Amino acid sequence: MKKKSWEWEVKLVTESDPYIIHTDEDSALVAMENFEGAWGRNLSVYSLRKTAEIIRFDEAK
C-alpha cells in the first residue's frame, strides 16, 4: 500500500527563508489553512509553491 503527501513552500513578503508545509491532500487551500493554523493569519504571503509529491510504500510482510 502507498500513501501520498505533498510538500509546499510558503514565502512571506518580509522574510527571505520559506516556511515548509506538509499536507495529506494535493490542495493549495489546505496548505494555506495549515500555514495559518501554525503561524497565524496576520502574515503577508508572497507566494505558495508545491515543491514535492511524496509517495511512501509500506514494506511487504
Protein backbone atom coordinates (compact mmCIF):
# COMPACT_ATOMS: atom_id res chain seq x y z
CA MET A 1 0.00 0.00 0.00
CA LYS A 2 1.21 3.50 -0.69
CA LYS A 3 0.47 6.84 0.94
CA LYS A 4 0.92 10.20 -0.73
CA SER A 5 1.66 13.55 0.84
CA TRP A 6 2.68 16.90 -0.57
CA GLU A 7 5.25 19.50 0.42
CA TRP A 8 4.56 23.22 -0.04
CA GLU A 9 6.83 26.23 0.24
CA VAL A 10 5.32 29.44 1.61
CA LYS A 11 7.29 32.67 1.20
CA LEU A 12 6.42 35.82 3.09
CA VAL A 13 6.83 39.39 1.90
CA THR A 14 9.01 40.28 4.89
CA GLU A 15 11.27 37.19 5.09
CA SER A 16 13.64 35.53 2.64
CA ASP A 17 13.57 32.00 4.09
CA PRO A 18 10.47 29.96 3.17
CA TYR A 19 8.20 28.02 5.50
CA ILE A 20 7.63 24.35 4.61
CA ILE A 21 4.17 22.82 4.97
CA HIS A 22 3.21 19.15 4.51
CA THR A 23 -0.33 18.08 3.61
CA ASP A 24 -2.16 14.81 3.00
CA GLU A 25 -4.14 16.43 0.18
CA ASP A 26 -2.99 17.95 -3.11
CA SER A 27 -4.65 21.26 -2.29
CA ALA A 28 -3.23 24.77 -2.05
CA LEU A 29 -6.20 25.74 0.12
CA VAL A 30 -5.39 23.02 2.66
CA ALA A 31 -1.74 24.09 2.63
CA MET A 32 -2.68 27.71 3.41
CA GLU A 33 -5.13 26.63 6.12
CA ASN A 34 -2.35 24.58 7.75
CA PHE A 35 0.04 27.53 7.48
CA GLU A 36 -2.47 29.91 9.09
CA GLY A 37 -3.17 27.38 11.84
CA ALA A 38 0.53 27.08 12.65
CA TRP A 39 1.77 30.67 12.21
CA GLY A 40 -1.32 32.89 12.30
CA ARG A 41 -3.42 34.88 9.86
CA ASN A 42 -1.72 38.27 10.04
CA LEU A 43 1.24 37.47 7.77
CA SER A 44 1.58 38.76 4.20
CA VAL A 45 2.19 35.78 1.91
CA TYR A 46 4.20 36.49 -1.24
CA SER A 47 3.98 33.03 -2.82
CA LEU A 48 2.85 29.44 -2.34
CA ARG A 49 4.54 26.71 -4.36
CA LYS A 50 4.18 22.93 -4.41
CA THR A 51 7.70 21.55 -4.15
CA ALA A 52 7.23 17.78 -3.87
CA GLU A 53 4.83 14.87 -4.10
CA ILE A 54 5.98 12.28 -1.59
CA ILE A 55 4.99 8.63 -2.03
CA ARG A 56 5.61 6.21 0.83
CA PHE A 57 5.25 2.46 0.35
CA ASP A 58 4.56 0.03 3.19
CA GLU A 59 7.02 -2.84 3.38
CA ALA A 60 5.78 -6.28 2.41
CA LYS A 61 5.38 -8.59 5.38
